[in-house]
N, C-alpha and C. Protein backbone atom coordinates (compact mmCIF):
# COMPACT_ATOMS: atom_id res chain seq x y z
N MET A 1 126.47 61.89 5.23
CA MET A 1 127.29 62.47 4.04
C MET A 1 126.58 63.47 3.28
N ILE A 2 127.64 64.13 2.47
CA ILE A 2 127.08 65.58 1.74
C ILE A 2 127.29 65.25 0.41
N ASN A 3 125.98 65.19 -0.18
CA ASN A 3 125.96 65.24 -1.53
C ASN A 3 126.43 66.79 -2.18
N THR A 4 127.66 66.74 -2.60
CA THR A 4 127.97 68.34 -2.76
C THR A 4 127.30 68.59 -4.69
N ALA A 5 126.96 67.75 -5.08
CA ALA A 5 126.33 67.70 -6.54
C ALA A 5 124.86 68.23 -6.47
N ARG A 6 124.25 69.00 -7.18
CA ARG A 6 123.15 69.80 -7.95
C ARG A 6 122.65 69.08 -9.55
N ALA A 7 121.57 68.44 -8.65
CA ALA A 7 121.08 67.39 -10.44
C ALA A 7 121.03 68.63 -11.22
N THR A 8 120.79 69.95 -11.74
CA THR A 8 120.13 69.88 -12.38
C THR A 8 121.37 70.64 -12.30
N LEU A 9 122.74 71.52 -12.24
CA LEU A 9 124.15 72.10 -13.15
C LEU A 9 124.62 70.57 -13.42
N LEU A 10 124.51 69.42 -12.60
CA LEU A 10 125.42 68.40 -13.09
C LEU A 10 124.79 67.51 -14.61
N GLY A 11 123.19 67.93 -14.94
CA GLY A 11 123.07 67.80 -16.04
C GLY A 11 123.19 68.39 -17.25
N ALA A 12 123.72 70.03 -16.62
CA ALA A 12 124.29 70.75 -18.24
C ALA A 12 125.81 70.48 -17.98
N LEU A 13 126.76 69.87 -17.05
CA LEU A 13 127.86 69.78 -17.69
C LEU A 13 128.22 69.05 -18.50
N PRO A 14 127.20 68.21 -19.14
CA PRO A 14 128.15 66.99 -20.18
C PRO A 14 127.43 68.53 -21.83
N LEU A 15 126.51 69.22 -21.77
CA LEU A 15 126.31 69.64 -22.91
C LEU A 15 127.72 70.97 -22.44
N LEU A 16 128.51 71.37 -21.30
CA LEU A 16 129.71 72.39 -21.67
C LEU A 16 130.93 71.46 -21.76
N ALA A 17 131.04 70.91 -21.24
CA ALA A 17 132.15 69.63 -21.50
C ALA A 17 132.13 68.95 -22.92
N ALA A 18 130.86 68.75 -23.57
CA ALA A 18 130.57 67.75 -24.52
C ALA A 18 131.35 68.47 -26.02
N GLY A 19 131.69 70.30 -26.04
CA GLY A 19 131.70 70.69 -27.34
C GLY A 19 130.73 71.09 -27.58
N PRO A 20 130.20 72.43 -26.69
CA PRO A 20 129.39 73.51 -27.91
C PRO A 20 130.04 73.73 -29.26
N ALA A 21 129.51 74.79 -29.94
CA ALA A 21 129.74 74.64 -30.89
C ALA A 21 131.21 75.84 -30.90
N SER A 22 131.09 77.00 -30.07
CA SER A 22 132.33 77.98 -29.45
C SER A 22 132.39 78.30 -28.32
N ALA A 23 133.66 78.53 -28.21
CA ALA A 23 133.81 78.89 -26.43
C ALA A 23 132.34 80.19 -26.10
N GLN A 24 132.33 80.79 -26.87
CA GLN A 24 130.95 81.47 -26.65
C GLN A 24 129.81 80.77 -26.52
N GLY A 25 129.13 79.58 -26.30
CA GLY A 25 128.43 78.82 -26.32
C GLY A 25 128.64 78.49 -25.04
N ALA A 26 129.53 77.95 -24.60
CA ALA A 26 129.99 77.31 -23.28
C ALA A 26 129.46 78.60 -21.99
N VAL A 27 130.62 79.64 -22.47
CA VAL A 27 130.18 80.69 -21.63
C VAL A 27 128.67 80.96 -21.53
N ASP A 28 127.91 81.00 -22.21
CA ASP A 28 126.90 81.28 -22.50
C ASP A 28 126.17 80.84 -21.65
N ALA A 29 126.17 79.25 -21.95
CA ALA A 29 125.36 78.12 -20.73
C ALA A 29 125.73 77.89 -19.41
N LEU A 30 126.83 78.60 -19.39
CA LEU A 30 127.48 78.66 -17.47
C LEU A 30 126.59 80.03 -17.05
N PHE A 31 126.61 81.64 -17.34
CA PHE A 31 126.38 82.56 -17.60
C PHE A 31 124.44 81.67 -16.90
N ASP A 32 124.12 81.92 -18.30
CA ASP A 32 122.28 81.19 -17.87
C ASP A 32 122.14 80.40 -16.48
N LEU A 33 123.32 79.33 -16.26
CA LEU A 33 123.49 78.40 -15.01
C LEU A 33 123.03 79.70 -13.87
N LEU A 34 123.96 80.21 -13.67
CA LEU A 34 124.61 81.26 -12.43
C LEU A 34 123.52 82.47 -12.74
N CYS A 35 122.96 82.77 -13.73
CA CYS A 35 122.79 84.61 -13.81
C CYS A 35 121.57 84.55 -12.77
N GLY A 36 121.39 85.47 -11.84
CA GLY A 36 120.08 86.27 -11.13
C GLY A 36 120.26 84.47 -10.61
N ARG A 37 120.40 83.63 -9.57
CA ARG A 37 120.43 83.07 -8.92
C ARG A 37 121.25 83.10 -7.18
N THR A 38 120.71 82.52 -6.17
CA THR A 38 121.84 82.51 -4.82
C THR A 38 121.95 80.43 -4.80
N VAL A 39 123.20 80.60 -4.74
CA VAL A 39 124.43 79.30 -4.72
C VAL A 39 124.58 79.03 -3.40
N HIS A 40 123.93 77.87 -2.86
CA HIS A 40 124.84 77.68 -1.70
C HIS A 40 126.11 76.47 -1.99
N PHE A 41 127.48 77.04 -1.27
CA PHE A 41 128.69 76.21 -1.83
C PHE A 41 129.15 75.71 -0.66
N TYR A 42 129.73 74.24 -0.81
CA TYR A 42 130.39 73.98 0.69
C TYR A 42 131.43 73.09 0.08
N ASP A 43 132.33 73.82 0.18
CA ASP A 43 134.02 73.36 0.43
C ASP A 43 134.86 73.36 1.13
N ALA A 44 136.26 72.82 1.73
CA ALA A 44 137.46 73.15 2.24
C ALA A 44 137.63 74.47 3.23
N SER A 45 136.70 75.40 2.24
CA SER A 45 136.59 77.01 2.87
C SER A 45 135.21 76.56 3.83
N GLY A 46 134.32 75.88 3.66
CA GLY A 46 133.48 75.94 4.56
C GLY A 46 132.04 76.16 3.68
N ASN A 47 130.77 76.49 4.10
CA ASN A 47 129.62 77.34 4.04
C ASN A 47 129.67 78.36 3.77
N GLN A 48 128.93 78.50 1.76
CA GLN A 48 129.11 79.99 1.57
C GLN A 48 128.07 79.81 0.88
N ILE A 49 127.27 81.46 0.11
CA ILE A 49 125.77 81.50 0.12
C ILE A 49 126.70 82.57 -1.05
N GLU A 50 125.98 82.55 -2.05
CA GLU A 50 126.27 83.33 -3.14
C GLU A 50 125.08 84.28 -3.98
N TYR A 51 124.71 85.04 -4.44
CA TYR A 51 123.78 85.95 -4.76
C TYR A 51 124.61 86.36 -6.15
N THR A 52 124.96 86.22 -7.44
CA THR A 52 125.18 86.52 -8.49
C THR A 52 123.90 87.26 -9.92
N ALA A 53 124.01 89.06 -9.87
CA ALA A 53 123.23 89.42 -9.60
C ALA A 53 123.00 89.54 -11.25
N GLY A 54 122.28 90.07 -12.30
CA GLY A 54 122.38 90.05 -13.63
C GLY A 54 122.90 91.21 -14.46
N ASP A 55 123.14 92.71 -13.00
CA ASP A 55 124.46 93.51 -13.76
C ASP A 55 125.50 93.01 -13.76
N GLY A 56 126.21 91.98 -12.80
CA GLY A 56 127.52 91.37 -12.63
C GLY A 56 127.92 91.20 -11.08
N THR A 57 127.36 92.26 -10.14
CA THR A 57 127.53 91.90 -8.87
C THR A 57 127.08 90.79 -8.56
N ALA A 58 128.10 90.60 -7.92
CA ALA A 58 128.27 89.25 -6.49
C ALA A 58 128.53 89.95 -4.93
N TYR A 59 127.34 89.11 -4.45
CA TYR A 59 126.81 89.11 -2.84
C TYR A 59 127.51 87.41 -2.12
N LEU A 60 128.00 87.70 -1.19
CA LEU A 60 128.67 86.73 -0.89
C LEU A 60 128.70 86.76 0.31
N TRP A 61 128.05 85.91 1.41
CA TRP A 61 127.53 85.46 2.75
C TRP A 61 128.59 84.20 3.31
N PHE A 62 129.25 85.12 3.54
CA PHE A 62 130.72 84.09 3.69
C PHE A 62 131.14 84.14 5.15
N ASN A 63 131.38 82.79 5.61
CA ASN A 63 131.40 82.06 7.00
C ASN A 63 131.84 82.85 7.98
N GLY A 64 130.91 83.62 8.77
CA GLY A 64 132.35 84.11 10.43
C GLY A 64 132.12 85.28 9.45
N ILE A 65 131.81 86.42 8.54
CA ILE A 65 131.68 87.39 8.20
C ILE A 65 130.25 88.39 8.32
N GLU A 66 130.14 89.32 9.17
CA GLU A 66 129.04 89.49 9.53
C GLU A 66 128.38 90.85 8.80
N ASP A 67 129.51 91.06 7.74
CA ASP A 67 128.71 91.60 6.70
C ASP A 67 128.58 91.11 5.19
N VAL A 68 127.58 90.61 4.30
CA VAL A 68 127.77 90.49 3.01
C VAL A 68 128.86 91.42 2.19
N ILE A 69 129.72 90.22 1.24
CA ILE A 69 131.05 90.66 0.54
C ILE A 69 130.32 90.53 -0.90
N VAL A 70 130.81 92.30 -0.90
CA VAL A 70 129.72 92.96 -2.54
C VAL A 70 131.38 92.80 -3.56
N GLY A 71 130.91 92.02 -4.17
CA GLY A 71 132.04 92.23 -5.49
C GLY A 71 131.52 92.41 -7.27
N THR A 72 131.89 91.39 -8.02
CA THR A 72 131.84 91.52 -9.06
C THR A 72 132.29 90.27 -9.54
N TRP A 73 131.24 89.51 -10.98
CA TRP A 73 131.55 87.89 -11.06
C TRP A 73 131.17 88.11 -12.86
N GLY A 74 131.45 87.10 -13.21
CA GLY A 74 131.88 87.17 -14.51
C GLY A 74 131.66 85.28 -15.14
N VAL A 75 131.62 85.57 -16.50
CA VAL A 75 132.44 84.22 -16.77
C VAL A 75 133.01 84.15 -18.19
N TYR A 76 133.50 83.54 -18.51
CA TYR A 76 135.02 83.43 -19.27
C TYR A 76 135.44 82.57 -20.23
N SER A 77 135.88 82.58 -21.45
CA SER A 77 136.29 81.13 -21.96
C SER A 77 137.44 80.77 -21.11
N ASP A 78 138.20 79.86 -21.35
CA ASP A 78 139.59 79.34 -20.57
C ASP A 78 140.36 80.58 -21.22
N ALA A 79 140.60 80.91 -22.97
CA ALA A 79 141.23 81.46 -23.17
C ALA A 79 141.45 82.74 -22.99
N GLU A 80 140.34 83.09 -22.44
CA GLU A 80 140.16 84.67 -21.65
C GLU A 80 140.71 84.70 -20.12
N VAL A 81 141.12 83.39 -19.54
CA VAL A 81 141.01 83.55 -18.38
C VAL A 81 142.38 83.46 -18.24
N ALA A 82 143.10 82.28 -19.04
CA ALA A 82 144.43 82.58 -19.45
C ALA A 82 145.29 83.99 -19.85
N GLU A 83 144.41 84.79 -20.87
CA GLU A 83 145.17 86.12 -21.41
C GLU A 83 145.11 86.39 -19.85
N ARG A 84 144.15 86.64 -19.28
CA ARG A 84 144.08 87.85 -18.33
C ARG A 84 145.07 87.44 -17.54
N ASN A 85 145.71 86.33 -17.02
CA ASN A 85 146.34 85.80 -16.10
C ASN A 85 147.67 86.13 -16.65
N ASN A 86 148.09 86.21 -17.72
CA ASN A 86 149.64 85.93 -18.37
C ASN A 86 149.67 87.20 -18.76
N ASP A 87 148.41 88.49 -19.13
CA ASP A 87 149.29 89.88 -19.68
C ASP A 87 149.04 90.46 -18.89
N GLY A 88 148.65 90.47 -17.91
CA GLY A 88 148.32 91.58 -16.76
C GLY A 88 147.15 92.65 -17.35
N SER A 89 146.61 92.83 -18.11
CA SER A 89 145.87 93.86 -18.60
C SER A 89 144.76 93.85 -18.12
N GLY A 90 144.60 92.78 -17.36
CA GLY A 90 143.45 92.79 -16.22
C GLY A 90 141.47 92.88 -17.17
N ASP A 91 141.82 92.84 -18.52
CA ASP A 91 140.62 93.07 -19.30
C ASP A 91 139.37 93.78 -18.96
N GLU A 92 139.34 95.01 -18.30
CA GLU A 92 138.23 95.52 -17.74
C GLU A 92 137.22 95.81 -18.47
N GLY A 93 136.18 96.10 -17.23
CA GLY A 93 135.13 96.44 -18.04
C GLY A 93 133.81 95.41 -18.57
N ARG A 94 134.53 94.01 -17.73
CA ARG A 94 132.92 93.10 -17.41
C ARG A 94 132.12 93.06 -16.72
N ASP A 95 130.95 92.66 -17.54
CA ASP A 95 129.96 93.24 -16.38
C ASP A 95 128.79 91.84 -16.23
N GLY A 96 129.49 90.88 -15.91
CA GLY A 96 128.53 89.26 -16.02
C GLY A 96 128.34 88.83 -16.99
N GLY A 97 129.01 88.66 -18.74
CA GLY A 97 128.71 88.20 -19.33
C GLY A 97 129.79 88.63 -20.60
N LEU A 98 129.74 87.77 -21.66
CA LEU A 98 130.32 88.19 -23.06
C LEU A 98 129.51 89.07 -24.13
N SER A 99 130.09 90.56 -24.35
CA SER A 99 129.42 90.99 -25.65
C SER A 99 129.57 90.07 -26.86
N SER A 100 128.48 90.67 -27.65
CA SER A 100 128.42 89.76 -29.15
C SER A 100 129.91 90.49 -29.93
N GLU A 101 130.40 91.59 -29.63
CA GLU A 101 132.06 92.01 -30.01
C GLU A 101 133.26 90.78 -29.80
N ASP A 102 133.19 89.97 -28.54
CA ASP A 102 134.09 89.47 -28.39
C ASP A 102 134.75 88.53 -29.24
N ILE A 103 135.59 88.70 -29.82
CA ILE A 103 136.00 87.58 -30.83
C ILE A 103 136.96 86.64 -29.85
N PHE A 104 137.00 85.16 -30.66
CA PHE A 104 137.93 84.53 -29.85
C PHE A 104 138.82 84.15 -31.09
N ASP A 105 140.43 84.32 -30.92
CA ASP A 105 141.31 83.51 -32.04
C ASP A 105 141.58 82.10 -31.59
N THR A 106 141.49 81.24 -30.55
CA THR A 106 141.93 80.34 -29.96
C THR A 106 140.30 79.88 -29.86
N PRO A 107 139.99 78.55 -30.15
CA PRO A 107 139.11 78.09 -30.05
C PRO A 107 138.83 77.32 -29.02
N THR A 108 138.17 77.24 -28.16
CA THR A 108 138.21 76.31 -26.59
C THR A 108 136.86 76.36 -26.38
N PHE A 109 136.32 75.30 -25.47
CA PHE A 109 135.07 74.48 -25.11
C PHE A 109 134.65 74.82 -23.70
N GLY A 110 135.65 75.58 -23.05
CA GLY A 110 135.54 75.54 -21.90
C GLY A 110 135.29 76.75 -21.02
N ALA A 111 134.45 76.50 -19.96
CA ALA A 111 134.28 78.18 -19.22
C ALA A 111 134.36 78.61 -18.18
N GLN A 112 134.76 79.56 -16.94
CA GLN A 112 134.99 80.04 -16.30
C GLN A 112 134.18 80.90 -15.35
N VAL A 113 133.97 80.53 -14.24
CA VAL A 113 133.05 81.98 -13.31
C VAL A 113 134.36 82.40 -13.01
N CYS A 114 134.71 83.33 -12.82
CA CYS A 114 135.39 84.29 -12.45
C CYS A 114 134.92 85.44 -11.01
N TYR A 115 134.95 85.89 -10.05
CA TYR A 115 134.48 86.47 -8.66
C TYR A 115 135.83 87.58 -8.52
N GLU A 116 135.47 88.52 -8.31
CA GLU A 116 136.62 89.46 -7.62
C GLU A 116 135.78 90.26 -7.01
N TYR A 117 136.89 90.58 -5.93
CA TYR A 117 136.83 90.99 -4.49
C TYR A 117 137.68 92.22 -3.57
N ALA A 118 137.62 93.60 -3.23
CA ALA A 118 138.27 93.74 -3.46
C ALA A 118 139.22 93.38 -2.00
N PRO A 119 140.26 94.68 -2.02
CA PRO A 119 141.57 94.41 -0.79
C PRO A 119 140.62 93.68 0.41
N GLY A 120 140.87 93.18 1.58
CA GLY A 120 140.55 93.04 2.64
C GLY A 120 138.70 92.86 2.66
N ALA A 121 138.26 92.11 1.81
CA ALA A 121 137.15 91.74 1.95
C ALA A 121 136.49 90.74 3.01
N PHE A 122 137.83 90.17 2.90
CA PHE A 122 137.78 88.72 4.04
C PHE A 122 138.54 88.76 5.45
N GLY A 123 139.09 90.22 5.14
CA GLY A 123 139.70 90.24 6.52
C GLY A 123 140.97 91.46 6.20
N PRO A 124 141.69 91.45 7.23
CA PRO A 124 143.05 92.98 7.14
C PRO A 124 143.95 92.38 6.12
N PHE A 125 144.17 91.27 6.13
CA PHE A 125 145.52 90.59 5.20
C PHE A 125 144.76 89.70 3.85
N ASP A 126 143.60 89.63 3.43
CA ASP A 126 143.11 89.70 2.31
C ASP A 126 143.51 90.60 1.28
N PRO A 127 144.79 90.34 0.41
CA PRO A 127 145.00 90.65 -0.72
C PRO A 127 143.30 91.14 -1.96
N GLY A 128 142.92 90.66 -1.69
CA GLY A 128 141.46 91.03 -2.53
C GLY A 128 142.05 89.88 -4.10
N GLY A 129 141.53 90.29 -5.28
CA GLY A 129 141.47 89.68 -6.88
C GLY A 129 140.40 88.85 -7.34
N PHE A 130 141.16 87.74 -8.30
CA PHE A 130 140.13 87.62 -9.94
C PHE A 130 140.63 86.17 -8.97
N HIS A 131 139.18 85.88 -8.85
CA HIS A 131 139.33 84.26 -8.43
C HIS A 131 138.58 83.05 -9.53
N CYS A 132 139.07 82.21 -10.29
CA CYS A 132 138.15 81.64 -11.42
C CYS A 132 138.37 80.24 -11.00
N PHE A 133 136.96 79.29 -11.69
CA PHE A 133 136.56 78.13 -11.26
C PHE A 133 136.19 77.73 -12.29
N THR A 134 136.70 76.19 -12.79
CA THR A 134 136.15 75.77 -13.87
C THR A 134 134.59 75.24 -13.79
N GLU A 135 133.85 75.21 -14.58
CA GLU A 135 132.39 74.38 -14.31
C GLU A 135 132.39 73.17 -13.84
N GLN A 136 133.80 72.87 -13.97
CA GLN A 136 133.55 71.18 -13.28
C GLN A 136 134.14 71.45 -11.36
N ARG A 137 134.80 72.23 -11.48
CA ARG A 137 135.40 72.64 -9.83
C ARG A 137 134.01 73.09 -9.52
N LEU A 138 133.25 73.96 -9.76
CA LEU A 138 132.52 75.09 -9.35
C LEU A 138 130.94 73.72 -9.21
N PHE A 139 130.57 73.15 -9.97
CA PHE A 139 130.03 71.84 -10.01
C PHE A 139 130.41 70.92 -8.87
N GLU A 140 131.53 70.98 -8.39
CA GLU A 140 131.76 69.81 -7.50
C GLU A 140 131.33 70.59 -5.72
N THR A 141 131.06 71.54 -5.58
CA THR A 141 130.89 72.62 -4.58
C THR A 141 129.55 72.99 -3.71
N VAL A 142 129.21 72.88 -5.18
CA VAL A 142 127.03 73.28 -4.91
C VAL A 142 126.84 71.95 -4.39
N VAL A 143 125.79 72.59 -3.40
CA VAL A 143 125.30 71.68 -2.17
C VAL A 143 123.83 70.87 -2.87
N GLN A 144 123.64 69.79 -2.40
CA GLN A 144 121.96 69.48 -3.47
C GLN A 144 120.50 70.12 -3.05
N GLY A 145 120.45 70.76 -3.59
CA GLY A 145 118.56 71.43 -3.22
C GLY A 145 119.71 73.21 -3.27
N GLY A 146 120.65 73.21 -3.51
CA GLY A 146 121.33 74.53 -3.10
C GLY A 146 121.48 75.69 -3.86
N VAL A 147 120.51 75.74 -5.10
CA VAL A 147 120.33 76.69 -6.10
C VAL A 147 119.09 76.96 -6.01
N PHE A 148 118.73 78.60 -5.83
CA PHE A 148 117.38 78.89 -5.58
C PHE A 148 117.67 80.48 -6.71
N PRO A 149 116.18 80.67 -7.54
CA PRO A 149 116.04 81.46 -8.18
C PRO A 149 116.42 82.79 -7.56
N SER A 150 116.46 83.79 -7.95
CA SER A 150 116.63 85.28 -7.44
C SER A 150 117.32 85.18 -6.36
N ASP A 151 117.52 86.33 -5.37
CA ASP A 151 118.21 87.30 -4.29
C ASP A 151 117.35 86.34 -3.32
N ARG A 152 117.44 85.03 -2.75
CA ARG A 152 116.81 84.24 -1.66
C ARG A 152 116.60 84.85 -0.32
N TYR A 153 118.17 84.68 -0.07
CA TYR A 153 118.30 85.27 1.31
C TYR A 153 118.46 86.33 1.78
N GLY A 154 117.77 87.54 0.47
CA GLY A 154 118.11 89.21 0.30
C GLY A 154 119.63 89.77 0.56
N LEU A 155 120.66 89.19 0.07
CA LEU A 155 121.90 89.57 -0.15
C LEU A 155 122.06 90.66 -0.53
N ALA A 156 121.57 91.24 -1.26
CA ALA A 156 121.46 92.76 -1.82
C ALA A 156 121.69 93.63 -0.61
N ASP A 157 120.51 93.28 -0.16
CA ASP A 157 120.64 94.77 1.10
C ASP A 157 121.88 94.74 1.55
N GLY A 158 122.56 94.11 1.89
CA GLY A 158 124.02 93.69 2.46
C GLY A 158 124.47 93.30 3.84
N GLU A 159 122.95 92.74 4.51
CA GLU A 159 123.60 91.83 5.53
C GLU A 159 122.66 90.78 5.58
N PRO A 160 123.59 89.61 6.03
CA PRO A 160 123.17 88.21 5.81
C PRO A 160 122.50 88.03 7.01
N PRO A 161 121.43 86.95 6.80
CA PRO A 161 120.34 87.05 7.85
C PRO A 161 120.93 86.52 9.04
N PHE A 162 122.00 85.95 9.28
CA PHE A 162 122.41 85.59 10.45
C PHE A 162 124.03 85.33 9.77
N LEU A 163 125.12 85.03 11.54
CA LEU A 163 126.51 84.90 10.90
C LEU A 163 126.87 83.37 10.52
N LEU A 164 126.90 82.74 9.62
CA LEU A 164 126.84 81.51 8.88
C LEU A 164 128.50 80.74 8.94
N PRO A 165 128.01 79.69 9.49
CA PRO A 165 129.51 79.07 10.37
C PRO A 165 130.40 78.23 9.68
N GLU A 166 131.37 78.20 9.50
CA GLU A 166 132.07 77.96 8.63
C GLU A 166 132.18 76.27 8.35
N HIS A 167 131.87 75.37 9.33
CA HIS A 167 131.61 73.80 9.85
C HIS A 167 131.42 74.26 10.56
N PRO A 168 130.29 72.65 11.21
CA PRO A 168 129.97 71.95 10.10
C PRO A 168 128.99 72.58 8.92
N PHE A 169 129.06 71.34 8.22
CA PHE A 169 127.57 72.23 6.68
C PHE A 169 126.72 72.50 7.24
N VAL A 170 125.94 73.37 7.14
CA VAL A 170 124.34 73.76 7.61
C VAL A 170 122.94 73.22 5.94
N GLU A 171 122.87 72.57 7.03
CA GLU A 171 121.79 71.56 6.13
C GLU A 171 120.77 72.78 5.75
N LEU A 172 120.30 73.03 4.37
CA LEU A 172 119.16 73.89 3.80
C LEU A 172 118.12 74.47 4.63
N GLY A 173 117.30 73.01 5.52
CA GLY A 173 116.44 72.74 6.10
C GLY A 173 116.77 73.59 7.24
N ASN A 174 117.52 73.90 7.96
CA ASN A 174 117.88 74.26 9.38
C ASN A 174 117.69 75.74 9.08
N PHE A 175 117.52 76.25 8.33
CA PHE A 175 117.42 77.64 8.30
C PHE A 175 116.20 78.25 6.98
N ASP A 176 115.79 77.90 6.10
CA ASP A 176 115.23 77.60 4.67
C ASP A 176 114.45 78.46 4.54
N ALA A 177 113.11 77.25 5.53
CA ALA A 177 111.97 77.48 5.68
C ALA A 177 111.55 78.93 6.02
N ASP A 178 112.63 79.95 6.65
CA ASP A 178 112.24 81.03 6.34
C ASP A 178 112.04 82.02 5.17
N PHE A 179 112.36 81.66 4.78
CA PHE A 179 112.20 82.12 3.09
C PHE A 179 111.70 82.30 1.61
N PRO A 180 111.10 82.66 1.87
CA PRO A 180 110.14 82.30 0.55
C PRO A 180 110.96 81.74 -0.99
N GLN A 181 110.22 81.18 -1.37
CA GLN A 181 110.39 80.68 -2.96
C GLN A 181 110.35 81.80 -3.88
N LEU A 182 111.22 82.62 -4.54
CA LEU A 182 111.25 83.72 -4.92
C LEU A 182 110.86 83.40 -7.14
N PRO A 183 110.09 84.11 -7.36
CA PRO A 183 110.33 83.75 -9.17
C PRO A 183 112.14 84.15 -9.47
N PRO A 184 111.90 83.46 -10.70
CA PRO A 184 113.38 83.74 -11.30
C PRO A 184 113.38 85.19 -12.24
N GLU A 185 114.28 85.73 -11.89
CA GLU A 185 114.52 86.91 -13.03
C GLU A 185 114.43 86.77 -13.95
N PRO A 186 113.49 87.50 -15.11
CA PRO A 186 113.41 87.11 -16.27
C PRO A 186 114.23 87.77 -17.07
N ALA A 187 115.10 88.17 -16.45
CA ALA A 187 116.56 88.88 -17.20
C ALA A 187 117.73 88.17 -17.44
N CYS A 188 117.65 86.97 -16.55
CA CYS A 188 118.67 86.08 -16.63
C CYS A 188 118.41 84.59 -16.44
N GLY A 189 119.04 84.27 -17.98
CA GLY A 189 118.93 82.69 -18.20
C GLY A 189 117.35 82.44 -18.09
N VAL A 190 117.76 80.69 -17.69
CA VAL A 190 116.55 79.91 -18.06
C VAL A 190 116.11 79.78 -16.80
N PRO A 191 115.11 79.29 -16.40
CA PRO A 191 114.84 78.78 -14.74
C PRO A 191 114.74 77.36 -14.69
N LEU A 192 115.11 76.98 -13.98
CA LEU A 192 115.24 75.97 -12.86
C LEU A 192 114.47 75.20 -13.13
N SER A 193 114.52 73.50 -13.61
CA SER A 193 113.76 73.02 -13.84
C SER A 193 113.74 71.30 -12.63
C-alpha cells in the first residue's frame, strides 16, 4: 500500500490550518516548506517529481514526457487565488512568494501553491494555465520520504534522468540511490528535519 503522507509536511499542516496570525503567515509557512525542494507526488495523474526553485521557477519531471516541463510556481492566500480566478487580472509579476507590500483586505487562514505552465507543455492539446492546490490537497499527494532539499535530480538542467512511468507508483528506492543527498538551499525556507 502506498502511503502518500509526508510526516514532515503533515506535521506543518496543523500550523497552517489552525489559524496563523494572518494569511501572510500561512503563505510564508507553505512557501518555506516547498521553496528549494524536490518533491515526489503520486495521484490519479501518476508519478510526478518537481523542483521548486527560489526564483519562482518550477521544473516538472512528468510521467511519459521526455523533457522537463518548465513553468512558474508561487504561494498565494485563498483570497488572492479567488481574486485571480474571478477578475481575470492575472496578478502578473509573482515570483514564488509575496512581498511585504501585499495588503490583505479579507483575512483568510488558507494558502495555496499554484503552478503555471505554457500552452502545449503537456502535449499539443494542452491549453496551459494556472493550477492551484490547497495545502491539504498538496500534502495528500506527496509520497512518504519524497521530499528532498535542492534540485536532487538535476531537473533545472532540462533533462530528466529517465522517462518516468505514469503507473504504477515508482518506489523511491528504485532510483534514489543514484543521486546524492544535497544540502538545502540557504535562500529558501527552513531545513527539513
